[in-house]
Amino acid sequence: MSGGDSDGCGQPREGVACGRAGATQPPSSGEIRNMQVHSLTRISALALGIAGALACGQVHAAAFQLKENSVKAQGRAMAGAASAKGDASVVVNNPAMMSTFDRTTIQGDVTAIDLSFEFEGSGYAAAGTPLQQPLTGGDGGDAGGVSPVPAMSFILPLEGSFEYLTLGAMVSAPFGLKTEYDDGWKGRYHALNSDVKIIDLTLAMSLDLGDHFSAGLGAVIERSDVTLSNAIDFGTALCGNAATQALCFMPNPITGPFGPQKNDGSVEVHGTDTSLGFIAGLSWRPTDNVSIGYSYRSEVDHSLTGDADFTVPTNVATILASTGQYVDTGALAELTTPAVHTLSGTWYATEKFALMGEVSRTGWSSLREIRIQFDNPRQADSAEDYSWGDSWFYSVGGEYLLSDAFTLRAGIARDDSPVSYPHRTPRMPDQDRMWYSVGLTWAASENFSLDASYARIDLVDTPEVNILSSSRSRLTGSYDGGANLFGVSAQYRF
């Protein structure tokens, strides 16, 4: 749901006119009652379009996707995440690989994402109307920050009559977003705070179909939660409505009580849902030195329910009182999170060196439109066009066994964005990016190991925005951004 401005193992083996000049009389009560005030501002669907819940994360992968479920894989820029041995995160990356575990394993991962997004630009309120004026306020500060993304996985190989089965469970955060701008910044009518979280509980099983092949299947229980907010320029909207525009000329548009940026309100929207999906995978190990994996994560359909909380200036609330609009109300929106296909390969070239590669496609094209329906019958639906494309992620990486205790790894990746220029917003100034990663495993004992990783994510090009809200607020400019990922994990084998 969005409040939008209205018019939105350590080893390798492993205005508008704002009125006529002669309009000097205030509108009658009948005109106010009958006017379509929903044209003042509409709640952007972005908040419901970007879902979230229980685990917090800064968005840095394509769109609002998060890949931080394995510190070991992060050290290789996620190369081999669905084909390399010894990493319990395969519960969600490729459940078929669980069959390669011969001991009960528990693993905990946490990655701190230090995200930075700084805006530079300008814009106009009441753009294209006689009352057009430069947007006031600053550049919003650094919209990013530091947030942890945790994951926990468990793998249990069965014995006896069920020795061909392996069970697994994992908690992870596949999607998320968190950006926060200073109050009163130039882009306040498009975004203030965005707190989007999604957490998965995955329960999976792997079936060993021989020495070289296995298949996996899992159920995904997904919880989403989101709270987003932005300012509303009621002043511009009043001036642009024929029934109220006279108020902007009493006594004149300069000193009058109403006008662009004079009557700001705000909206905060919150929505949650729990839904189901599935994950499936295949693992083919034609030789002891080669592992090939494929996994598929399904779309997950959500019906997000929540509340819209409006803050309206007193003088504006008086005008709108008879309309019954812009009062706190419930809301509903349908959302489908994307399907993900992944193909992965690992080659154990020597006893000490392994080379990995991976490619994945995320089906963001399923996110075409998000429509919010309000419980308040006087509040018109709000729809936002996404028109995103599918995105691709390519990575290569490797590991080298320095000694029995230490394994070094590194990798590089290209992460393409599904968001094109016309659909880029301050909530998500997305752009293609490059990953550069390093990692290290310390096998402290036969049973216990620790991993650490660092990844730098740089934008391939400068993200630019040029967007116009339906209340005629145009924001233009560019972003300077990137992210640093610091990960640690521990694994214990029983």
Protein backbone atom coordinates (compact mmCIF):
# COMPACT_ATOMS: atom_id res chain seq x y z
CA MET A 1 0.00 0.00 0.00
CA SER A 2 1.41 3.43 -0.66
CA GLY A 3 0.58 6.76 0.32
CA GLY A 4 1.28 8.67 -2.79
CA ASP A 5 0.72 12.23 -3.65
CA SER A 6 -2.36 12.59 -5.39
CA ASP A 7 -3.10 14.22 -8.00
CA GLY A 8 1.99 8.31 -5.73
CA CYS A 9 31.68 -25.78 4.55
CA GLY A 10 34.01 -23.80 3.76
CA GLN A 11 35.80 -26.13 1.42
CA PRO A 12 35.74 -26.18 -2.33
CA ARG A 13 33.98 -29.45 -2.16
CA GLU A 14 31.27 -28.18 -1.47
CA GLY A 15 -3.91 25.04 -13.07
CA VAL A 16 -4.67 25.04 -14.32
CA ALA A 17 -5.44 27.10 -14.22
CA CYS A 18 -6.01 27.89 -10.66
CA GLY A 19 -9.08 29.86 -11.56
CA ARG A 20 -10.35 32.63 -13.69
CA ALA A 21 -9.02 36.04 -12.78
CA GLY A 22 -12.53 37.27 -12.27
CA ALA A 23 -13.53 34.51 -9.88
CA THR A 24 -13.75 36.40 -6.62
CA GLN A 25 -16.67 34.68 -4.86
CA PRO A 26 -16.16 31.61 -2.66
CA PRO A 27 -17.96 28.44 -3.75
CA SER A 28 -21.35 27.67 -2.33
CA SER A 29 -21.90 24.79 0.08
CA GLY A 30 -23.78 22.94 -2.63
CA GLU A 31 -20.84 23.22 -5.00
CA ILE A 32 -18.50 21.92 -2.32
CA ARG A 33 -20.82 19.03 -1.52
CA ASN A 34 -21.17 17.97 -5.11
CA MET A 35 -17.63 18.46 -6.36
CA GLN A 36 -15.48 15.40 -6.99
CA VAL A 37 -12.88 16.02 -4.32
CA HIS A 38 -11.16 12.74 -5.10
CA SER A 39 -9.46 14.71 -7.87
CA LEU A 40 -7.61 16.69 -5.18
CA THR A 41 -5.24 13.86 -4.51
CA ARG A 42 -5.12 10.14 -4.89
CA ILE A 43 -3.24 7.65 -2.74
CA SER A 44 -0.44 6.12 -4.77
CA ALA A 45 -0.64 2.34 -5.03
CA LEU A 46 3.08 2.00 -4.48
CA ALA A 47 2.70 1.21 -0.79
CA LEU A 48 0.54 -1.80 -1.48
CA GLY A 49 2.49 -2.52 -4.63
CA ILE A 50 5.65 -3.03 -2.62
CA ALA A 51 4.79 -5.47 0.13
CA GLY A 52 6.62 -6.30 3.33
CA ALA A 53 6.84 -8.05 6.91
CA LEU A 54 8.79 -9.27 10.08
CA ALA A 55 12.36 -8.99 8.72
CA CYS A 56 13.79 -5.60 7.87
CA GLY A 57 15.92 -4.84 4.86
CA GLN A 58 17.19 -2.10 2.63
CA VAL A 59 16.39 -2.72 -0.97
CA HIS A 60 19.49 -3.10 -3.12
CA ALA A 61 18.90 -5.99 -5.52
CA ALA A 62 16.74 -5.55 -8.60
CA ALA A 63 13.58 -3.60 -7.69
CA PHE A 64 12.82 -4.55 -4.07
CA GLN A 65 14.34 -8.04 -4.18
CA LEU A 66 16.75 -9.16 -1.44
CA LYS A 67 19.31 -11.92 -2.02
CA GLU A 68 20.87 -11.89 1.48
CA ASN A 69 20.08 -15.43 2.62
CA SER A 70 23.62 -16.87 2.56
CA VAL A 71 26.83 -15.17 3.68
CA LYS A 72 28.86 -17.92 2.05
CA ALA A 73 27.20 -17.38 -1.32
CA GLN A 74 27.50 -13.59 -0.94
CA GLY A 75 31.26 -14.01 -0.81
CA ARG A 76 30.97 -15.35 -4.40
CA ALA A 77 28.41 -12.69 -5.47
CA MET A 78 25.76 -15.43 -5.13
CA ALA A 79 27.42 -17.62 -7.79
CA GLY A 80 26.73 -21.29 -7.10
CA ALA A 81 24.01 -20.59 -4.54
CA ALA A 82 21.83 -23.30 -6.12
CA SER A 83 24.57 -25.84 -6.89
CA ALA A 84 27.45 -25.61 -4.37
CA LYS A 85 27.69 -28.07 -1.50
CA GLY A 86 27.94 -27.33 2.19
CA ASP A 87 25.60 -24.31 2.42
CA ALA A 88 22.35 -24.89 4.33
CA SER A 89 20.68 -21.94 2.60
CA VAL A 90 19.90 -24.33 -0.27
CA VAL A 91 16.60 -24.90 1.54
CA VAL A 92 15.38 -21.82 -0.35
CA ASN A 93 18.01 -21.54 -3.09
CA ASN A 94 17.55 -25.12 -4.35
CA PRO A 95 15.93 -27.69 -2.03
CA ALA A 96 17.18 -30.56 -4.19
CA MET A 97 20.71 -29.84 -2.93
CA MET A 98 19.67 -30.80 0.61
CA SER A 99 20.26 -34.44 -0.39
CA THR A 100 24.02 -33.72 -0.44
CA PHE A 101 23.97 -33.29 3.36
CA ASP A 102 24.71 -36.42 5.41
CA ARG A 103 24.52 -34.76 8.84
CA THR A 104 21.98 -32.62 10.65
CA THR A 105 22.97 -28.99 10.06
CA ILE A 106 21.86 -25.68 11.52
CA GLN A 107 22.99 -22.35 10.09
CA GLY A 108 22.40 -18.72 10.96
CA ASP A 109 23.20 -15.80 8.65
CA VAL A 110 22.91 -12.06 9.09
CA THR A 111 23.86 -9.31 6.65
CA ALA A 112 24.02 -5.62 7.47
CA ILE A 113 23.06 -3.58 4.40
CA ASP A 114 24.46 -0.06 4.42
CA LEU A 115 22.47 1.64 1.70
CA SER A 116 22.97 5.19 0.44
CA PHE A 117 20.69 7.18 -1.86
CA GLU A 118 21.17 10.95 -2.12
CA PHE A 119 19.04 13.12 -4.38
CA GLU A 120 20.07 16.26 -6.21
CA GLY A 121 17.56 18.19 -8.24
CA SER A 122 14.57 20.49 -8.23
CA GLY A 123 11.01 20.71 -9.40
CA TYR A 124 7.79 22.67 -9.43
CA ALA A 125 4.56 22.72 -7.51
CA ALA A 126 1.45 23.39 -9.60
CA ALA A 127 3.60 22.58 -12.62
CA GLY A 128 2.21 23.81 -15.91
CA THR A 129 -0.33 26.15 -14.30
CA PRO A 130 -0.35 29.93 -13.75
CA LEU A 131 0.55 29.33 -10.10
CA GLN A 132 3.63 27.24 -10.90
CA GLN A 133 6.44 27.78 -8.40
CA PRO A 134 9.71 26.06 -7.45
CA LEU A 135 9.42 23.27 -4.94
CA THR A 136 10.61 24.32 -1.50
CA GLY A 137 12.68 22.22 0.86
CA GLY A 138 15.99 20.40 0.84
CA ASP A 139 17.25 17.35 -1.02
CA GLY A 140 15.96 14.91 1.60
CA GLY A 141 19.28 13.83 3.13
CA ASP A 142 20.55 10.29 2.76
CA ALA A 143 17.43 8.21 2.20
CA GLY A 144 19.29 5.01 3.09
CA GLY A 145 20.74 3.70 6.32
CA VAL A 146 21.92 0.46 7.92
CA SER A 147 19.53 -2.47 8.34
CA PRO A 148 20.08 -6.14 9.21
CA VAL A 149 18.71 -8.98 7.10
CA PRO A 150 18.71 -12.27 9.05
CA ALA A 151 18.21 -15.85 7.88
CA MET A 152 18.09 -19.19 9.69
CA SER A 153 18.15 -22.66 8.12
CA PHE A 154 17.94 -26.27 9.33
CA ILE A 155 18.56 -29.51 7.41
CA LEU A 156 17.73 -33.02 8.71
CA PRO A 157 18.77 -36.12 6.70
CA LEU A 158 16.52 -39.03 7.59
CA GLU A 159 17.77 -42.56 8.30
CA GLY A 160 16.71 -46.16 7.92
CA SER A 161 13.75 -46.74 5.62
CA PHE A 162 13.66 -43.00 4.83
CA GLU A 163 17.35 -42.45 4.17
CA TYR A 164 16.56 -41.19 0.67
CA LEU A 165 14.68 -38.21 2.18
CA THR A 166 16.09 -35.00 3.63
CA LEU A 167 13.95 -32.40 5.36
CA GLY A 168 14.65 -28.71 5.71
CA ALA A 169 13.25 -25.47 7.09
CA MET A 170 14.35 -21.87 6.66
CA VAL A 171 13.31 -18.35 7.60
CA SER A 172 14.43 -15.69 5.11
CA ALA A 173 13.56 -12.27 3.70
CA PRO A 174 13.25 -12.42 -0.12
CA PHE A 175 11.95 -8.88 -0.61
CA GLY A 176 12.16 -5.60 1.29
CA LEU A 177 12.53 -1.85 1.13
CA LYS A 178 13.43 0.89 3.57
CA THR A 179 14.03 4.52 2.64
CA GLU A 180 13.45 7.62 4.73
CA TYR A 181 13.60 11.25 3.62
CA ASP A 182 13.72 14.41 5.69
CA ASP A 183 10.35 16.01 6.37
CA GLY A 184 9.65 18.90 4.05
CA TRP A 185 12.06 17.85 1.30
CA LYS A 186 11.39 18.71 -2.34
CA GLY A 187 10.03 15.29 -3.16
CA ARG A 188 7.76 15.04 -0.14
CA TYR A 189 4.66 14.76 -2.33
CA HIS A 190 6.09 11.57 -3.85
CA ALA A 191 7.69 9.89 -0.80
CA LEU A 192 8.61 10.41 2.84
CA ASN A 193 9.04 7.10 4.65
CA SER A 194 8.97 3.61 3.10
CA ASP A 195 9.17 0.60 5.41
CA VAL A 196 8.48 -2.57 3.44
CA LYS A 197 9.21 -6.08 4.66
CA ILE A 198 8.49 -9.63 3.53
CA ILE A 199 9.48 -12.75 5.44
CA ASP A 200 9.22 -16.39 4.33
CA LEU A 201 9.00 -19.60 6.29
CA THR A 202 9.98 -22.39 3.88
CA LEU A 203 9.39 -26.06 4.70
CA ALA A 204 11.06 -28.35 2.17
CA MET A 205 12.06 -31.90 1.38
CA SER A 206 14.62 -33.46 -0.95
CA LEU A 207 14.33 -36.87 -2.60
CA ASP A 208 17.54 -38.69 -3.53
CA LEU A 209 16.94 -40.40 -6.88
CA GLY A 210 20.38 -42.02 -7.13
CA ASP A 211 24.03 -41.14 -6.83
CA HIS A 212 23.79 -38.32 -9.36
CA PHE A 213 20.30 -36.87 -9.22
CA SER A 214 17.89 -35.44 -6.65
CA ALA A 215 14.71 -33.37 -6.61
CA GLY A 216 13.29 -31.01 -4.03
CA LEU A 217 9.99 -29.38 -3.21
CA GLY A 218 8.91 -26.92 -0.55
CA ALA A 219 5.99 -24.86 0.71
CA VAL A 220 6.48 -21.13 1.28
CA ILE A 221 4.46 -19.32 3.93
CA GLU A 222 4.92 -15.62 3.22
CA ARG A 223 4.04 -12.75 5.54
CA SER A 224 3.96 -9.20 4.23
CA ASP A 225 3.82 -5.86 6.05
CA VAL A 226 4.28 -2.30 4.83
CA THR A 227 4.05 1.23 6.16
CA LEU A 228 4.63 4.11 3.73
CA SER A 229 3.90 7.81 3.88
CA ASN A 230 4.10 11.02 1.86
CA ALA A 231 2.86 14.60 1.94
CA ILE A 232 -0.23 15.83 0.09
CA ASP A 233 -0.34 19.27 -1.54
CA PHE A 234 -3.95 20.17 -0.79
CA GLY A 235 -3.28 23.80 -1.72
CA THR A 236 -2.46 23.06 -5.34
CA ALA A 237 -5.38 20.65 -5.57
CA LEU A 238 -7.86 23.22 -4.25
CA CYS A 239 -6.61 25.76 -6.76
CA GLY A 240 -7.00 23.26 -9.56
CA ASN A 241 -10.60 22.39 -8.79
CA ALA A 242 -13.26 24.57 -10.40
CA ALA A 243 -15.47 24.46 -7.30
CA THR A 244 -12.77 25.73 -4.92
CA GLN A 245 -10.27 27.64 -7.04
CA ALA A 246 -11.74 31.00 -6.05
CA LEU A 247 -10.34 30.45 -2.56
CA CYS A 248 -6.86 30.87 -4.00
CA PHE A 249 -7.59 34.48 -5.03
CA MET A 250 -8.93 35.80 -1.72
CA PRO A 251 -7.60 38.40 -1.59
CA ASN A 252 -4.95 37.31 -4.14
CA PRO A 253 -2.81 34.27 -4.97
CA ILE A 254 0.23 35.70 -3.16
CA THR A 255 -1.18 36.54 0.26
CA GLY A 256 -4.24 34.29 0.25
CA PRO A 257 -4.59 31.43 2.75
CA PHE A 258 -4.69 28.75 0.05
CA GLY A 259 -2.25 27.87 -2.69
CA PRO A 260 0.59 25.58 -3.79
CA GLN A 261 2.70 24.33 -0.85
CA LYS A 262 0.61 26.40 1.62
CA ASN A 263 -1.72 23.63 2.74
CA ASP A 264 0.29 20.45 3.07
CA GLY A 265 -1.26 17.39 4.63
CA SER A 266 -0.03 13.81 4.68
CA VAL A 267 -1.10 10.21 4.42
CA GLU A 268 0.31 7.04 5.95
CA VAL A 269 -0.81 3.67 4.66
CA HIS A 270 -0.25 0.33 6.36
CA GLY A 271 -1.16 -3.14 5.06
CA THR A 272 -0.46 -6.79 5.89
CA ASP A 273 -1.17 -10.26 4.54
CA THR A 274 -0.10 -13.91 4.84
CA SER A 275 -0.16 -16.11 1.76
CA LEU A 276 1.28 -19.32 0.28
CA GLY A 277 3.64 -20.23 -2.53
CA PHE A 278 6.05 -23.03 -3.38
CA ILE A 279 9.62 -23.73 -4.39
CA ALA A 280 10.99 -26.64 -6.46
CA GLY A 281 14.46 -27.69 -7.53
CA LEU A 282 16.58 -30.23 -9.35
CA SER A 283 20.19 -31.24 -8.79
CA TRP A 284 22.32 -33.18 -11.26
CA ARG A 285 25.83 -34.26 -10.29
CA PRO A 286 27.13 -36.12 -13.37
CA THR A 287 30.60 -36.51 -11.82
CA ASP A 288 32.14 -35.94 -8.42
CA ASN A 289 33.53 -32.66 -9.73
CA VAL A 290 30.46 -31.12 -11.37
CA SER A 291 27.18 -29.98 -9.86
CA ILE A 292 24.31 -28.40 -11.83
CA GLY A 293 21.21 -27.03 -10.16
CA TYR A 294 17.92 -25.51 -11.20
CA SER A 295 15.33 -23.97 -8.91
CA TYR A 296 11.97 -22.29 -9.31
CA ARG A 297 10.26 -20.04 -6.80
CA SER A 298 6.60 -19.46 -7.56
CA GLU A 299 4.65 -16.25 -7.63
CA VAL A 300 2.84 -15.48 -4.38
CA ASP A 301 -0.55 -13.80 -4.52
CA HIS A 302 -1.40 -11.40 -1.70
CA SER A 303 -4.61 -9.63 -0.74
CA LEU A 304 -3.22 -6.86 1.40
CA THR A 305 -5.57 -5.28 3.92
CA GLY A 306 -4.75 -2.23 5.98
CA ASP A 307 -5.55 1.36 6.88
CA ALA A 308 -5.09 4.78 5.35
CA ASP A 309 -4.44 7.52 7.93
CA PHE A 310 -4.94 11.06 6.59
CA THR A 311 -3.69 14.27 8.16
CA VAL A 312 -5.53 17.27 6.75
CA PRO A 313 -4.88 20.96 7.65
CA THR A 314 -7.70 22.50 9.69
CA ASN A 315 -8.71 25.04 7.07
CA VAL A 316 -8.78 22.35 4.39
CA ALA A 317 -10.68 19.91 6.62
CA THR A 318 -13.45 22.49 6.97
CA ILE A 319 -13.86 22.67 3.21
CA LEU A 320 -13.79 18.89 2.77
CA ALA A 321 -16.04 18.04 5.73
CA SER A 322 -19.20 17.73 3.67
CA THR A 323 -17.61 15.41 1.12
CA GLY A 324 -16.78 12.54 3.49
CA GLN A 325 -13.41 12.08 1.84
CA TYR A 326 -9.85 12.08 3.15
CA VAL A 327 -10.85 10.55 6.45
CA ASP A 328 -9.15 7.52 7.98
CA THR A 329 -10.38 4.33 6.33
CA GLY A 330 -9.54 0.72 5.56
CA ALA A 331 -8.05 -0.37 2.25
CA LEU A 332 -7.46 -3.47 0.13
CA ALA A 333 -5.09 -4.23 -2.74
CA GLU A 334 -4.04 -7.29 -4.71
CA LEU A 335 -0.32 -7.94 -5.13
CA THR A 336 1.64 -10.71 -6.82
CA THR A 337 5.32 -11.11 -5.92
CA PRO A 338 7.37 -12.41 -8.84
CA ALA A 339 8.43 -15.91 -9.81
CA VAL A 340 12.19 -16.58 -9.94
CA HIS A 341 14.00 -19.09 -12.19
CA THR A 342 17.63 -19.94 -11.33
CA LEU A 343 20.22 -22.04 -13.18
CA SER A 344 23.49 -22.67 -11.34
CA GLY A 345 26.71 -24.61 -11.87
CA THR A 346 29.74 -25.57 -9.77
CA TRP A 347 32.97 -27.14 -11.02
CA TYR A 348 35.43 -28.48 -8.47
CA ALA A 349 38.45 -28.07 -10.70
CA THR A 350 40.96 -29.37 -8.16
CA GLU A 351 40.97 -30.43 -4.53
CA LYS A 352 41.55 -26.79 -3.63
CA PHE A 353 39.82 -24.70 -6.27
CA ALA A 354 36.17 -24.49 -7.34
CA LEU A 355 34.53 -22.26 -9.96
CA MET A 356 30.85 -21.27 -9.85
CA GLY A 357 28.38 -19.50 -12.08
CA GLU A 358 24.72 -18.58 -11.84
CA VAL A 359 21.97 -16.87 -13.80
CA SER A 360 18.46 -16.06 -12.63
CA ARG A 361 15.40 -14.37 -14.04
CA THR A 362 12.86 -12.60 -11.84
CA GLY A 363 9.43 -12.21 -13.41
CA TRP A 364 8.65 -8.63 -12.46
CA SER A 365 6.41 -8.34 -15.53
CA SER A 366 3.68 -9.91 -13.38
CA LEU A 367 3.50 -6.57 -11.58
CA ARG A 368 1.55 -4.55 -14.16
CA GLU A 369 -0.84 -2.52 -12.06
CA ILE A 370 -1.65 -2.10 -8.40
CA ARG A 371 -5.12 -0.92 -7.50
CA ILE A 372 -6.21 0.19 -4.03
CA GLN A 373 -9.84 -0.11 -3.05
CA PHE A 374 -10.89 1.95 -0.04
CA ASP A 375 -13.51 0.91 2.49
CA ASN A 376 -14.81 4.46 2.39
CA PRO A 377 -17.27 4.45 -0.55
CA ARG A 378 -16.59 8.15 -1.15
CA GLN A 379 -12.89 7.55 -1.69
CA ALA A 380 -12.28 6.57 -5.30
CA ASP A 381 -10.03 3.62 -6.17
CA SER A 382 -6.41 4.44 -6.85
CA ALA A 383 -4.49 2.62 -9.57
CA GLU A 384 -0.84 2.92 -10.54
CA ASP A 385 0.78 1.60 -13.70
CA TYR A 386 4.04 -0.27 -13.10
CA SER A 387 4.79 -1.80 -16.50
CA TRP A 388 8.00 -3.35 -15.20
CA GLY A 389 9.98 -5.85 -17.25
CA ASP A 390 11.60 -9.11 -16.18
CA SER A 391 15.10 -8.74 -14.74
CA TRP A 392 18.23 -10.87 -15.06
CA PHE A 393 21.06 -11.56 -12.60
CA TYR A 394 24.41 -13.02 -13.75
CA SER A 395 27.30 -13.97 -11.49
CA VAL A 396 30.62 -15.82 -11.52
CA GLY A 397 32.76 -16.66 -8.52
CA GLY A 398 35.24 -19.07 -7.06
CA GLU A 399 36.69 -20.58 -3.89
CA TYR A 400 40.23 -21.52 -2.94
CA LEU A 401 41.17 -23.76 0.00
CA LEU A 402 44.03 -21.92 1.67
CA SER A 403 44.43 -24.60 4.37
CA ASP A 404 42.37 -27.15 6.22
CA ALA A 405 40.94 -24.31 8.28
CA PHE A 406 40.48 -21.43 5.81
CA THR A 407 38.72 -21.04 2.47
CA LEU A 408 38.86 -17.81 0.47
CA ARG A 409 36.19 -16.84 -2.07
CA ALA A 410 35.36 -13.97 -4.42
CA GLY A 411 32.87 -13.13 -7.14
CA ILE A 412 31.37 -10.52 -9.45
CA ALA A 413 27.79 -10.09 -10.65
CA ARG A 414 25.58 -7.97 -12.87
CA ASP A 415 22.09 -7.25 -11.54
CA ASP A 416 19.73 -5.70 -14.10
CA SER A 417 16.82 -3.56 -12.97
CA PRO A 418 13.24 -4.08 -14.20
CA VAL A 419 12.38 -0.40 -13.61
CA SER A 420 12.58 1.89 -16.61
CA TYR A 421 13.04 5.66 -16.52
CA PRO A 422 9.32 6.61 -16.76
CA HIS A 423 8.49 4.43 -13.73
CA ARG A 424 11.40 5.35 -11.45
CA THR A 425 10.32 6.98 -8.18
CA PRO A 426 12.00 8.40 -5.04
CA ARG A 427 10.75 5.40 -3.10
CA MET A 428 12.81 3.16 -5.36
CA PRO A 429 15.33 5.02 -7.55
CA ASP A 430 16.34 1.72 -9.09
CA GLN A 431 19.11 1.20 -11.64
CA ASP A 432 21.27 -1.65 -12.98
CA ARG A 433 24.06 -2.51 -10.58
CA MET A 434 27.33 -4.42 -10.24
CA TRP A 435 28.40 -6.64 -7.32
CA TYR A 436 32.02 -7.09 -6.19
CA SER A 437 32.36 -9.64 -3.38
CA VAL A 438 34.91 -11.38 -1.17
CA GLY A 439 34.46 -13.92 1.61
CA LEU A 440 36.23 -16.22 4.05
CA THR A 441 35.37 -19.44 5.90
CA TRP A 442 37.07 -20.54 9.10
CA ALA A 443 36.48 -24.23 9.85
CA ALA A 444 37.07 -24.01 13.60
CA SER A 445 36.43 -27.72 14.08
CA GLU A 446 35.00 -30.71 12.27
CA ASN A 447 31.53 -29.62 13.33
CA PHE A 448 31.64 -25.84 13.53
CA SER A 449 32.51 -23.15 10.99
CA LEU A 450 32.22 -19.37 10.69
CA ASP A 451 31.81 -17.30 7.52
CA ALA A 452 32.26 -13.64 6.73
CA SER A 453 31.71 -11.69 3.54
CA TYR A 454 31.83 -8.20 2.12
CA ALA A 455 30.14 -7.00 -1.05
CA ARG A 456 30.17 -3.60 -2.74
CA ILE A 457 27.24 -2.78 -4.98
CA ASP A 458 27.70 0.09 -7.45
CA LEU A 459 25.13 1.58 -9.78
CA VAL A 460 25.96 1.10 -13.45
CA ASP A 461 24.56 4.50 -14.38
CA THR A 462 23.06 7.52 -12.64
CA PRO A 463 19.39 6.99 -11.75
CA GLU A 464 17.35 9.93 -12.97
CA VAL A 465 13.77 10.81 -12.09
CA ASN A 466 11.27 13.02 -13.86
CA ILE A 467 7.83 12.40 -12.44
CA LEU A 468 4.62 14.37 -12.20
CA SER A 469 1.98 13.71 -9.58
CA SER A 470 -1.70 14.17 -10.28
CA SER A 471 -1.65 17.26 -8.04
CA ARG A 472 0.87 18.77 -10.48
CA SER A 473 4.05 18.33 -8.44
CA ARG A 474 6.95 17.63 -10.83
CA LEU A 475 10.26 16.34 -9.43
CA THR A 476 13.37 16.16 -11.61
CA GLY A 477 16.89 15.20 -10.67
CA SER A 478 19.33 12.35 -10.15
CA TYR A 479 20.56 10.04 -7.43
CA ASP A 480 24.01 9.10 -6.20
CA GLY A 481 23.88 5.76 -4.45
CA GLY A 482 25.25 2.33 -3.70
CA ALA A 483 25.44 -0.22 -0.94
CA ASN A 484 27.94 -2.04 1.26
CA LEU A 485 27.03 -5.51 2.53
CA PHE A 486 28.69 -6.95 5.64
CA GLY A 487 27.76 -10.56 6.40
CA VAL A 488 28.55 -13.11 9.12
CA SER A 489 27.24 -16.62 9.61
CA ALA A 490 27.78 -19.72 11.70
CA GLN A 491 27.11 -23.36 10.87
CA TYR A 492 27.04 -26.37 13.18
CA ARG A 493 26.86 -29.98 12.01
CA PHE A 494 25.66 -32.64 14.46
